[in-house]
Amino acid sequence: MNPQAKELNTIIRDNNTMLFEMLSERGRNIFFPKKGILGQTADAKGKKINATIGSAIEDDNTPMRLESVEKQLNISPSLAFPYAPSYGRPDIRKRWKELIYIKNPALYGKEISLPIVTSALTHALSMTGYLFLDHTDSVLMPDLYWGNYNLIFTNAYGAGIEKFNLFRDEKFDLESFEKSVTNMKSGKKIILFNFPNNPSGYTPAVNEVKSIVSILRNEAEKGNMIIAIMDDAYFGLVYEDGIEKESLFAYLADLHENLLAIKVDGPTKEDYVWGFRIGFITYGIRNGNKALYEALEAKTAGAVRGSISNACNLTQSLLMNAYCSEEYQPEKSEKYSILSARFRKVREILKTGKYNDFFTALPFNSGYFMCIRLKKGLDGERLRYLLLDKYDTGVIQMNDLIRIAFSSVAESDIPVLFENICNACREISS
């Protein structure tokens, strides 16, 4: 094992033995190389002649670039063309941490790590798997989940996926969740939460969140190591009263010394920049201190460096400029209003009961999506093809479930969308 990895492991073990035990074999061996080329490059920073870093500069000491590219950018070349640090730009890391506290008032007074920048949320989830998943581990998640988790956790790291029932009587199935958590093998228990949920568009109610937190506290108090991963891709998009508006991370970040809360989030959906590919990993644990968090951050940055080297500097700079702009919040509120109106239009249509002969809606209150469950006898794949071929309409089929992204449909087209689905169902039925 590299001495730098041993040093980080010692810091983590000295501060929280259980947290060290949570690390995967890869997680224990990874480190951010402060010596070697990176260390020597850091030593030479600011020198008149710097022949260390593997990039090119112009004779005026600005980044070398092509004019055909530069003329398309309204930003300083120094903020676009050079490498960003593997940790991420210091300014956006600091600002994103501030935004996490602003968005989650329940976090006030709780110390969390400085976020590490990744290449969007998929990469952040992958880095989480790198650090904490061995092939002997399993991840517990709702039975309705994003299919890419299979590639990220199972195909890449060999971990299993266990599922609990998401809904019971139109609510979060707390009984199934508690039973599933309890039945996981003792020791290291890894649970993934994705709210608002993809594909269902569901976020638990405030009272349901309190019960989830209580269940996890009980498991931690039994001596189990709990790793709670919050995939907050659609954070902030809650459209109904009584639904939890803060991340579970806010309630788990200092819940227990045996529970590590990991917040995976980013601007992809929150700020409508899907192609920017910027995400964040943030840690929270009871009695977490600067030394512990910096060791976790170093391991995470080492994993980032070993996979993509660093996330895009240009998009970090563009986002940082936006977060400092007075227009940012009003513009974000405007887009939220558009999505909220689309959500309400779906609600309005479903309340008519016009389509009850063909499908029923699963509970939904947030995010980009909602799902309908087809009545017995209706084939989802046949319906999907009929919608494509005859009704010029695309949806996602998952056996007897149809996922509808109302986020990508104009409010005026939502009635047409459901009418098309209804007509296609009627055609198949007859």
Protein backbone atom coordinates (compact mmCIF):
# COMPACT_ATOMS: atom_id res chain seq x y z
CA MET A 1 0.00 0.00 0.00
CA ASN A 2 1.27 3.46 -0.86
CA PRO A 3 2.46 5.40 2.22
CA GLN A 4 0.15 8.30 1.30
CA ALA A 5 -2.85 5.94 1.39
CA LYS A 6 -1.67 4.59 4.76
CA GLU A 7 -1.45 8.14 6.09
CA LEU A 8 -5.04 8.93 5.06
CA ASN A 9 -6.25 5.61 6.51
CA THR A 10 -4.60 6.42 9.83
CA ILE A 11 -6.34 9.79 9.99
CA ILE A 12 -9.73 8.22 9.24
CA ARG A 13 -9.20 5.31 11.66
CA ASP A 14 -8.04 7.62 14.45
CA ASN A 15 -11.15 9.77 14.07
CA ASN A 16 -13.75 7.08 13.41
CA THR A 17 -12.85 3.39 13.34
CA MET A 18 -16.24 2.39 11.92
CA LEU A 19 -15.85 4.82 9.02
CA PHE A 20 -12.53 3.23 8.12
CA GLU A 21 -14.25 -0.17 8.11
CA MET A 22 -16.83 1.19 5.65
CA LEU A 23 -14.18 1.79 2.99
CA SER A 24 -13.85 -0.74 0.19
CA GLU A 25 -10.54 -2.36 -0.63
CA ARG A 26 -10.13 0.22 -3.39
CA GLY A 27 -11.14 2.98 -0.99
CA ARG A 28 -8.45 2.01 1.48
CA ASN A 29 -5.78 1.92 -1.20
CA ILE A 30 -6.64 5.17 -2.99
CA PHE A 31 -4.98 8.50 -2.20
CA PHE A 32 -4.44 11.87 -3.80
CA PRO A 33 -0.77 12.07 -4.82
CA LYS A 34 0.66 15.16 -3.14
CA LYS A 35 4.17 14.08 -4.09
CA GLY A 36 5.66 13.17 -7.43
CA ILE A 37 4.61 15.18 -10.50
CA LEU A 38 1.65 16.91 -8.80
CA GLY A 39 3.73 17.93 -5.81
CA GLN A 40 6.56 19.23 -7.95
CA THR A 41 4.08 21.13 -10.12
CA ALA A 42 2.56 22.73 -7.02
CA ASP A 43 6.05 23.75 -5.83
CA ALA A 44 6.66 25.55 -9.13
CA LYS A 45 3.37 27.46 -9.21
CA GLY A 46 3.93 31.20 -9.65
CA LYS A 47 7.55 30.88 -10.81
CA LYS A 48 8.67 33.03 -13.73
CA ILE A 49 9.67 29.96 -15.69
CA ASN A 50 7.48 26.93 -15.05
CA ALA A 51 8.25 23.87 -17.16
CA THR A 52 6.32 21.39 -15.01
CA ILE A 53 2.70 21.14 -16.15
CA GLY A 54 1.68 19.30 -19.31
CA SER A 55 -0.13 22.16 -20.98
CA ALA A 56 0.95 24.86 -23.41
CA ILE A 57 1.10 28.64 -22.94
CA GLU A 58 1.40 31.57 -25.28
CA ASP A 59 4.45 33.84 -25.15
CA ASP A 60 2.45 36.28 -23.03
CA ASN A 61 1.98 33.52 -20.42
CA THR A 62 -1.75 33.04 -21.14
CA PRO A 63 -3.17 29.60 -22.01
CA MET A 64 -2.46 28.56 -25.60
CA ARG A 65 -5.71 28.29 -27.53
CA LEU A 66 -7.23 28.36 -30.98
CA GLU A 67 -8.89 31.63 -31.93
CA SER A 68 -11.69 29.70 -33.64
CA VAL A 69 -12.58 28.27 -30.21
CA GLU A 70 -11.87 31.36 -28.11
CA LYS A 71 -14.09 33.64 -30.19
CA GLN A 72 -17.09 31.54 -29.19
CA LEU A 73 -16.51 32.18 -25.47
CA ASN A 74 -17.37 35.30 -23.50
CA ILE A 75 -15.08 34.35 -20.64
CA SER A 76 -11.45 34.84 -19.70
CA PRO A 77 -9.14 32.22 -21.29
CA SER A 78 -7.74 31.50 -17.83
CA LEU A 79 -11.20 30.26 -16.75
CA ALA A 80 -11.78 28.06 -19.77
CA PHE A 81 -8.67 26.40 -21.18
CA PRO A 82 -6.45 25.25 -18.27
CA TYR A 83 -7.00 22.10 -16.23
CA ALA A 84 -9.15 22.37 -13.12
CA PRO A 85 -7.89 20.69 -9.92
CA SER A 86 -8.93 17.06 -9.38
CA TYR A 87 -10.74 18.27 -6.25
CA GLY A 88 -12.61 20.82 -8.37
CA ARG A 89 -12.21 24.57 -8.49
CA PRO A 90 -11.92 25.93 -4.91
CA ASP A 91 -14.43 28.73 -5.55
CA ILE A 92 -17.25 26.51 -6.81
CA ARG A 93 -16.62 23.92 -4.07
CA LYS A 94 -17.00 26.65 -1.46
CA ARG A 95 -20.08 28.12 -3.15
CA TRP A 96 -21.82 24.76 -3.59
CA LYS A 97 -21.33 24.02 0.10
CA GLU A 98 -22.90 27.38 0.93
CA LEU A 99 -25.82 26.56 -1.36
CA ILE A 100 -26.33 23.18 0.34
CA TYR A 101 -26.79 24.98 3.67
CA ILE A 102 -29.12 27.56 2.11
CA LYS A 103 -31.29 24.87 0.52
CA ASN A 104 -31.30 22.70 3.66
CA PRO A 105 -31.90 24.81 6.80
CA ALA A 106 -31.93 21.64 8.96
CA LEU A 107 -28.18 21.41 8.29
CA TYR A 108 -27.36 24.62 10.14
CA GLY A 109 -24.88 23.95 12.93
CA LYS A 110 -23.82 20.61 11.44
CA GLU A 111 -20.34 20.28 9.96
CA ILE A 112 -20.06 18.64 6.56
CA SER A 113 -17.20 18.16 4.13
CA LEU A 114 -16.26 20.47 1.31
CA PRO A 115 -17.81 19.03 -1.87
CA ILE A 116 -15.59 17.30 -4.43
CA VAL A 117 -16.37 18.07 -8.07
CA THR A 118 -17.12 15.16 -10.39
CA SER A 119 -18.16 14.77 -14.01
CA ALA A 120 -21.87 14.96 -13.12
CA LEU A 121 -23.89 12.65 -10.89
CA THR A 122 -23.25 9.38 -12.70
CA HIS A 123 -19.53 9.83 -12.13
CA ALA A 124 -20.17 10.88 -8.53
CA LEU A 125 -22.14 7.68 -7.92
CA SER A 126 -19.36 5.69 -9.57
CA MET A 127 -16.76 7.30 -7.32
CA THR A 128 -18.96 6.49 -4.32
CA GLY A 129 -18.98 2.87 -5.45
CA TYR A 130 -15.21 2.97 -5.90
CA LEU A 131 -14.66 4.15 -2.34
CA PHE A 132 -17.23 2.06 -0.49
CA LEU A 133 -18.34 -1.00 -2.50
CA ASP A 134 -16.71 -4.42 -2.62
CA HIS A 135 -18.08 -7.35 -4.61
CA THR A 136 -19.41 -8.84 -1.36
CA ASP A 137 -21.60 -5.78 -0.67
CA SER A 138 -25.18 -5.00 -1.69
CA VAL A 139 -27.00 -1.72 -2.14
CA LEU A 140 -30.59 -1.45 -0.92
CA MET A 141 -32.87 0.78 -3.01
CA PRO A 142 -36.56 1.12 -3.94
CA ASP A 143 -37.99 -1.42 -6.37
CA LEU A 144 -38.57 1.50 -8.75
CA TYR A 145 -35.10 2.75 -9.59
CA TRP A 146 -32.94 4.25 -12.32
CA GLY A 147 -31.61 1.42 -14.48
CA ASN A 148 -28.12 2.89 -14.66
CA TYR A 149 -27.55 1.84 -11.04
CA ASN A 150 -27.07 -1.70 -12.40
CA LEU A 151 -24.15 -0.57 -14.56
CA ILE A 152 -22.66 1.68 -11.89
CA PHE A 153 -22.80 -0.63 -8.89
CA THR A 154 -23.16 -4.16 -10.22
CA ASN A 155 -21.32 -4.24 -13.54
CA ALA A 156 -18.52 -1.91 -12.44
CA TYR A 157 -17.96 -3.00 -8.83
CA GLY A 158 -19.66 -6.38 -8.56
CA ALA A 159 -22.03 -5.32 -5.80
CA GLY A 160 -25.54 -6.72 -5.55
CA ILE A 161 -28.79 -4.75 -5.57
CA GLU A 162 -31.50 -5.47 -3.00
CA LYS A 163 -34.92 -3.85 -3.26
CA PHE A 164 -37.71 -2.76 -0.97
CA ASN A 165 -41.27 -2.01 -1.99
CA LEU A 166 -41.61 1.73 -2.60
CA PHE A 167 -45.39 2.11 -2.30
CA ARG A 168 -48.13 0.76 -0.09
CA ASP A 169 -51.62 2.29 -0.08
CA GLU A 170 -50.43 5.27 -2.11
CA LYS A 171 -47.70 6.08 0.46
CA PHE A 172 -44.06 5.24 1.13
CA ASP A 173 -43.91 1.63 2.32
CA LEU A 174 -42.19 2.14 5.66
CA GLU A 175 -42.86 -1.44 6.72
CA SER A 176 -41.09 -2.88 3.68
CA PHE A 177 -38.22 -0.43 4.08
CA GLU A 178 -37.68 -1.24 7.75
CA LYS A 179 -37.92 -4.98 7.16
CA SER A 180 -35.48 -4.80 4.25
CA VAL A 181 -32.93 -2.75 6.20
CA THR A 182 -33.19 -5.09 9.17
CA ASN A 183 -32.81 -8.19 6.98
CA MET A 184 -29.63 -6.95 5.30
CA LYS A 185 -26.64 -8.85 6.61
CA SER A 186 -25.26 -7.33 9.78
CA GLY A 187 -22.18 -5.14 9.63
CA LYS A 188 -22.05 -2.87 6.61
CA LYS A 189 -25.43 -1.76 5.26
CA ILE A 190 -25.56 0.47 2.17
CA ILE A 191 -28.83 2.20 1.32
CA LEU A 192 -29.48 4.45 -1.66
CA PHE A 193 -32.22 7.08 -1.63
CA ASN A 194 -33.30 8.83 -4.82
CA PHE A 195 -35.88 11.54 -4.11
CA PRO A 196 -37.56 12.89 -6.14
CA ASN A 197 -37.56 9.33 -7.43
CA ASN A 198 -36.76 8.35 -10.98
CA PRO A 199 -38.99 6.89 -12.43
CA SER A 200 -42.00 7.54 -10.16
CA GLY A 201 -41.58 11.24 -9.36
CA TYR A 202 -42.22 10.60 -5.68
CA THR A 203 -40.73 12.30 -2.61
CA PRO A 204 -41.72 11.14 0.90
CA ALA A 205 -43.92 13.30 3.10
CA VAL A 206 -42.40 15.09 6.09
CA ASN A 207 -43.68 12.48 8.55
CA GLU A 208 -42.38 9.65 6.34
CA VAL A 209 -38.91 11.18 6.34
CA LYS A 210 -38.96 11.29 10.15
CA SER A 211 -39.74 7.57 10.20
CA ILE A 212 -36.96 6.78 7.71
CA VAL A 213 -34.48 8.67 9.88
CA SER A 214 -35.68 6.82 12.99
CA ILE A 215 -35.27 3.43 11.29
CA LEU A 216 -31.71 4.25 10.27
CA ARG A 217 -30.84 5.55 13.73
CA ASN A 218 -32.03 2.28 15.27
CA GLU A 219 -29.86 0.27 12.88
CA ALA A 220 -26.81 2.39 13.64
CA GLU A 221 -27.42 2.05 17.38
CA LYS A 222 -27.31 -1.74 16.96
CA GLY A 223 -23.66 -1.35 15.95
CA ASN A 224 -24.17 -1.64 12.19
CA MET A 225 -22.20 0.50 9.77
CA ILE A 226 -24.70 2.49 7.70
CA ILE A 227 -23.76 4.16 4.42
CA ALA A 228 -26.68 6.30 3.25
CA ILE A 229 -26.28 7.58 -0.31
CA MET A 230 -28.57 10.41 -1.34
CA ASP A 231 -28.91 10.66 -5.13
CA ASP A 232 -30.34 14.18 -5.16
CA ALA A 233 -30.40 14.59 -8.94
CA TYR A 234 -33.85 16.22 -8.95
CA PHE A 235 -33.47 18.11 -5.69
CA GLY A 236 -35.66 21.18 -5.21
CA LEU A 237 -38.44 20.14 -7.59
CA VAL A 238 -41.24 19.44 -5.10
CA TYR A 239 -44.70 20.65 -6.14
CA GLU A 240 -47.04 19.83 -3.22
CA ASP A 241 -47.42 20.92 0.40
CA GLY A 242 -46.57 18.44 3.14
CA ILE A 243 -43.81 16.86 1.06
CA GLU A 244 -40.23 16.99 2.39
CA LYS A 245 -38.39 19.81 0.64
CA GLU A 246 -34.96 19.21 2.20
CA SER A 247 -32.57 16.43 1.35
CA LEU A 248 -32.45 13.39 3.64
CA PHE A 249 -28.78 14.36 3.94
CA ALA A 250 -29.80 17.27 6.17
CA TYR A 251 -31.22 14.85 8.77
CA LEU A 252 -28.58 12.12 8.44
CA ALA A 253 -25.38 14.19 8.27
CA ASP A 254 -24.81 14.05 12.04
CA LEU A 255 -27.29 11.35 13.05
CA HIS A 256 -24.79 8.81 14.42
CA GLU A 257 -21.06 7.99 14.45
CA ASN A 258 -21.89 4.72 12.66
CA LEU A 259 -23.78 6.39 9.82
CA LEU A 260 -22.02 8.07 6.91
CA ALA A 261 -24.29 10.30 4.82
CA ILE A 262 -23.16 10.88 1.24
CA LYS A 263 -24.85 13.59 -0.82
CA VAL A 264 -24.54 13.12 -4.56
CA ASP A 265 -25.95 16.13 -6.37
CA GLY A 266 -25.22 18.79 -8.96
CA PRO A 267 -26.63 21.36 -11.35
CA THR A 268 -27.60 18.90 -14.11
CA LYS A 269 -31.33 18.97 -13.40
CA GLU A 270 -31.39 21.60 -10.65
CA ASP A 271 -30.00 24.27 -12.97
CA TYR A 272 -30.95 22.76 -16.35
CA VAL A 273 -27.39 22.19 -17.63
CA TRP A 274 -27.53 18.52 -18.61
CA GLY A 275 -24.54 18.67 -20.94
CA PHE A 276 -22.26 20.55 -18.55
CA ARG A 277 -21.44 17.30 -16.71
CA ILE A 278 -20.67 18.74 -13.28
CA GLY A 279 -21.60 16.99 -10.03
CA PHE A 280 -20.57 16.95 -6.38
CA ILE A 281 -19.90 14.46 -3.56
CA THR A 282 -20.35 15.74 0.01
CA TYR A 283 -19.94 13.80 3.27
CA GLY A 284 -21.55 14.13 6.68
CA ILE A 285 -21.08 12.09 9.86
CA ARG A 286 -21.60 12.78 13.55
CA ASN A 287 -18.47 14.34 15.10
CA GLY A 288 -16.91 14.70 11.67
CA ASN A 289 -14.01 17.14 11.91
CA LYS A 290 -11.72 18.90 9.48
CA ALA A 291 -9.03 16.21 9.54
CA LEU A 292 -11.52 13.40 8.89
CA TYR A 293 -13.29 15.24 6.08
CA GLU A 294 -10.05 16.31 4.42
CA ALA A 295 -8.88 12.69 4.40
CA LEU A 296 -12.15 11.60 2.75
CA GLU A 297 -11.88 14.46 0.27
CA ALA A 298 -8.31 13.44 -0.60
CA LYS A 299 -9.36 9.86 -1.27
CA THR A 300 -12.28 11.05 -3.39
CA ALA A 301 -10.04 13.43 -5.37
CA GLY A 302 -7.60 10.56 -5.87
CA ALA A 303 -10.39 8.41 -7.30
CA VAL A 304 -11.41 11.29 -9.58
CA ARG A 305 -7.83 11.76 -10.75
CA GLY A 306 -7.54 8.04 -11.44
CA SER A 307 -10.70 8.02 -13.57
CA ILE A 308 -11.08 11.32 -15.44
CA SER A 309 -8.20 13.41 -13.99
CA ASN A 310 -10.53 16.38 -13.39
CA ALA A 311 -13.93 17.76 -14.31
CA CYS A 312 -14.37 20.44 -16.99
CA ASN A 313 -12.95 23.84 -16.00
CA LEU A 314 -15.07 25.82 -18.47
CA THR A 315 -18.41 24.55 -17.14
CA GLN A 316 -17.30 25.05 -13.53
CA SER A 317 -16.44 28.65 -14.41
CA LEU A 318 -19.73 29.26 -16.20
CA LEU A 319 -21.70 27.88 -13.26
CA MET A 320 -19.69 29.87 -10.74
CA ASN A 321 -20.46 33.06 -12.66
CA ALA A 322 -24.16 32.14 -12.64
CA TYR A 323 -24.18 31.45 -8.89
CA CYS A 324 -22.76 34.94 -8.30
CA SER A 325 -25.35 36.57 -10.57
CA GLU A 326 -28.42 38.46 -9.34
CA GLU A 327 -30.42 36.87 -12.17
CA TYR A 328 -29.77 33.30 -11.03
CA GLN A 329 -32.56 32.88 -8.45
CA PRO A 330 -35.31 34.71 -10.40
CA GLU A 331 -34.50 32.66 -13.51
CA LYS A 332 -34.51 29.44 -11.52
CA SER A 333 -37.87 30.34 -9.98
CA GLU A 334 -39.27 30.97 -13.44
CA LYS A 335 -38.26 27.51 -14.69
CA TYR A 336 -39.65 25.90 -11.53
CA SER A 337 -42.99 27.60 -12.23
CA ILE A 338 -43.09 26.11 -15.72
CA LEU A 339 -42.46 22.59 -14.43
CA SER A 340 -44.92 23.06 -11.59
CA ALA A 341 -47.62 24.11 -14.06
CA ARG A 342 -47.00 20.98 -16.14
CA PHE A 343 -47.27 18.88 -12.99
CA ARG A 344 -50.59 20.52 -12.09
CA LYS A 345 -51.91 19.93 -15.61
CA VAL A 346 -51.17 16.21 -15.25
CA ARG A 347 -52.95 16.20 -11.89
CA GLU A 348 -55.93 17.98 -13.42
CA ILE A 349 -56.23 15.46 -16.24
CA LEU A 350 -55.97 12.45 -13.97
CA LYS A 351 -58.62 13.78 -11.58
CA THR A 352 -61.25 13.48 -14.31
CA GLY A 353 -61.06 9.69 -14.06
CA LYS A 354 -61.41 9.57 -17.82
CA TYR A 355 -58.65 7.03 -18.25
CA ASN A 356 -59.35 4.72 -15.30
CA ASP A 357 -60.40 1.86 -17.58
CA PHE A 358 -56.90 1.67 -19.03
CA PHE A 359 -54.41 2.76 -16.37
CA THR A 360 -53.87 4.18 -12.90
CA ALA A 361 -51.23 6.66 -11.79
CA LEU A 362 -48.58 5.81 -9.21
CA PRO A 363 -48.08 8.38 -6.43
CA PHE A 364 -46.10 11.39 -7.67
CA ASN A 365 -45.47 14.87 -6.33
CA SER A 366 -42.07 16.05 -7.58
CA GLY A 367 -39.24 15.81 -10.08
CA TYR A 368 -39.44 15.28 -13.85
CA PHE A 369 -41.54 12.12 -14.08
CA MET A 370 -44.70 10.25 -13.23
CA CYS A 371 -45.72 6.67 -13.94
CA ILE A 372 -48.95 4.98 -14.95
CA ARG A 373 -49.68 1.29 -14.38
CA LEU A 374 -51.51 -0.37 -17.25
CA LYS A 375 -54.58 -2.46 -16.57
CA LYS A 376 -54.23 -6.21 -16.90
CA GLY A 377 -54.15 -7.38 -20.50
CA LEU A 378 -52.47 -4.26 -21.92
CA ASP A 379 -48.98 -4.97 -23.23
CA GLY A 380 -46.59 -2.07 -22.49
CA GLU A 381 -44.20 -2.72 -25.35
CA ARG A 382 -47.00 -3.04 -27.87
CA LEU A 383 -48.44 0.22 -26.53
CA ARG A 384 -45.09 1.96 -26.85
CA TYR A 385 -44.69 0.96 -30.49
CA LEU A 386 -48.25 1.92 -31.34
CA LEU A 387 -47.72 5.34 -29.76
CA LEU A 388 -44.57 5.81 -31.83
CA ASP A 389 -45.96 4.56 -35.13
CA LYS A 390 -49.49 5.94 -35.13
CA TYR A 391 -49.62 8.75 -32.55
CA ASP A 392 -46.20 10.37 -32.97
CA THR A 393 -45.66 10.00 -29.21
CA GLY A 394 -42.75 8.59 -27.23
CA VAL A 395 -42.82 7.20 -23.68
CA ILE A 396 -40.68 4.80 -21.63
CA GLN A 397 -42.07 1.30 -21.08
CA MET A 398 -41.13 -0.81 -18.04
CA ASN A 399 -43.27 -3.95 -18.23
CA ASP A 400 -46.73 -2.81 -17.10
CA LEU A 401 -45.47 0.67 -16.16
CA ILE A 402 -45.22 3.62 -18.50
CA ARG A 403 -42.90 6.45 -17.43
CA ILE A 404 -43.94 9.90 -18.60
CA ALA A 405 -41.49 12.79 -18.47
CA PHE A 406 -43.87 15.72 -18.13
CA SER A 407 -40.77 17.89 -17.79
CA SER A 408 -40.20 17.56 -21.52
CA VAL A 409 -43.78 18.18 -22.67
CA ALA A 410 -45.27 21.64 -23.12
CA GLU A 411 -48.26 22.25 -20.87
CA SER A 412 -50.50 22.65 -23.91
CA ASP A 413 -49.45 19.23 -25.23
CA ILE A 414 -50.07 17.29 -22.00
CA PRO A 415 -53.81 16.73 -22.69
CA VAL A 416 -52.91 15.45 -26.16
CA LEU A 417 -50.29 13.14 -24.67
CA PHE A 418 -52.78 11.44 -22.35
CA GLU A 419 -55.45 11.31 -25.05
CA ASN A 420 -52.96 9.56 -27.33
CA ILE A 421 -52.14 7.02 -24.61
CA CYS A 422 -55.83 6.44 -23.96
CA ASN A 423 -56.63 5.94 -27.65
CA ALA A 424 -53.72 3.55 -28.08
CA CYS A 425 -54.87 1.57 -25.04
CA ARG A 426 -58.41 1.42 -26.41
CA GLU A 427 -57.10 0.23 -29.76
CA ILE A 428 -55.10 -2.58 -28.14
CA SER A 429 -58.01 -3.57 -25.93
CA SER A 430 -60.38 -3.90 -28.85
